[in-house]
Amino acid sequence: MNYAYILQCADGTFYTGWTNDPEKRLAAHNNGTASKYTRVRRPVSMVYYEAFETKEEAMRREYAIKQLTRQEKLKLIRTKESP
């Protein structure tokens, strides 16, 4: 499985990405090895994810989520069960 996800950073901002191993990716973000953006905004928590069969689907959804406004992301997080 592949996943598009949203992290909430310690400063309240959101980071969107994709992965095929959510637990490992979350650990990498919190270890400071996954992203320059999240490295200085730790700790982060996974507040939303969606599962997909293919990497391409997950990447397309990641892109679509990144185009949303903060308010739209908050609504998305609230309307779908979080991890």
Protein backbone atom coordinates (compact mmCIF):
# COMPACT_ATOMS: atom_id res chain seq x y z
CA MET A 1 0.00 0.00 0.00
CA ASN A 2 0.96 3.62 -0.54
CA TYR A 3 -0.23 6.57 1.47
CA ALA A 4 -0.74 10.31 1.15
CA TYR A 5 -0.49 11.94 4.56
CA ILE A 6 -0.65 15.19 6.48
CA LEU A 7 1.59 15.89 9.47
CA GLN A 8 0.97 18.59 12.02
CA CYS A 9 4.20 20.21 13.12
CA ALA A 10 4.97 21.55 16.60
CA ASP A 11 4.43 25.11 15.33
CA GLY A 12 0.93 24.22 14.10
CA THR A 13 1.79 24.13 10.39
CA PHE A 14 1.00 21.20 8.12
CA TYR A 15 3.32 19.11 5.97
CA THR A 16 1.95 16.85 3.23
CA GLY A 17 3.78 13.88 1.73
CA TRP A 18 3.47 10.31 0.52
CA THR A 19 5.04 7.04 1.66
CA ASN A 20 4.71 3.28 1.54
CA ASP A 21 5.50 2.90 5.28
CA PRO A 22 3.73 5.48 7.46
CA GLU A 23 5.30 4.44 10.77
CA LYS A 24 8.83 4.50 9.36
CA ARG A 25 8.24 7.83 7.62
CA LEU A 26 6.80 9.43 10.77
CA ALA A 27 9.85 8.24 12.73
CA ALA A 28 12.15 9.68 10.05
CA HIS A 29 10.38 13.05 10.28
CA ASN A 30 10.71 13.05 14.06
CA ASN A 31 14.39 12.02 13.83
CA GLY A 32 15.02 14.98 11.53
CA THR A 33 16.05 12.89 8.52
CA ALA A 34 12.98 13.10 6.29
CA SER A 35 12.50 16.76 5.38
CA LYS A 36 14.18 20.12 5.85
CA TYR A 37 10.77 21.62 6.56
CA THR A 38 9.89 19.27 9.42
CA ARG A 39 13.45 19.06 10.81
CA VAL A 40 13.08 22.44 12.54
CA ARG A 41 9.40 21.95 13.46
CA ARG A 42 9.60 18.78 15.52
CA PRO A 43 7.91 16.92 16.99
CA VAL A 44 5.37 16.15 14.29
CA SER A 45 2.28 13.96 14.43
CA MET A 46 0.37 12.25 11.65
CA VAL A 47 -3.12 13.73 11.68
CA TYR A 48 -4.45 12.34 8.39
CA TYR A 49 -3.73 9.71 5.77
CA GLU A 50 -5.34 7.95 2.83
CA ALA A 51 -4.32 4.57 1.39
CA PHE A 52 -3.79 3.83 -2.32
CA GLU A 53 -2.84 0.79 -4.37
CA THR A 54 -0.14 2.53 -6.39
CA LYS A 55 2.62 5.04 -5.77
CA GLU A 56 1.29 7.18 -8.61
CA GLU A 57 -2.16 7.46 -7.00
CA ALA A 58 -0.63 8.46 -3.67
CA MET A 59 1.59 11.05 -5.35
CA ARG A 60 -1.38 12.52 -7.24
CA ARG A 61 -3.36 12.79 -4.02
CA GLU A 62 -0.38 14.36 -2.23
CA TYR A 63 -0.24 17.02 -4.94
CA ALA A 64 -4.00 17.63 -4.69
CA ILE A 65 -3.82 18.02 -0.90
CA LYS A 66 -0.91 20.45 -1.23
CA GLN A 67 -3.14 22.67 -3.39
CA LEU A 68 -5.74 22.99 -0.61
CA THR A 69 -5.89 25.97 1.69
CA ARG A 70 -5.19 25.53 5.38
CA GLN A 71 -8.93 25.74 6.10
CA GLU A 72 -9.66 23.03 3.51
CA LYS A 73 -6.98 20.81 5.05
CA LEU A 74 -8.49 21.32 8.51
CA LYS A 75 -11.89 20.34 7.16
CA LEU A 76 -10.39 17.25 5.49
CA ILE A 77 -8.72 16.24 8.76
CA ARG A 78 -11.94 16.73 10.71
CA THR A 79 -14.17 14.81 8.28
CA LYS A 80 -12.06 11.68 7.95
CA GLU A 81 -11.04 9.42 10.80
CA SER A 82 -7.43 10.11 11.72
CA PRO A 83 -4.80 7.50 12.66
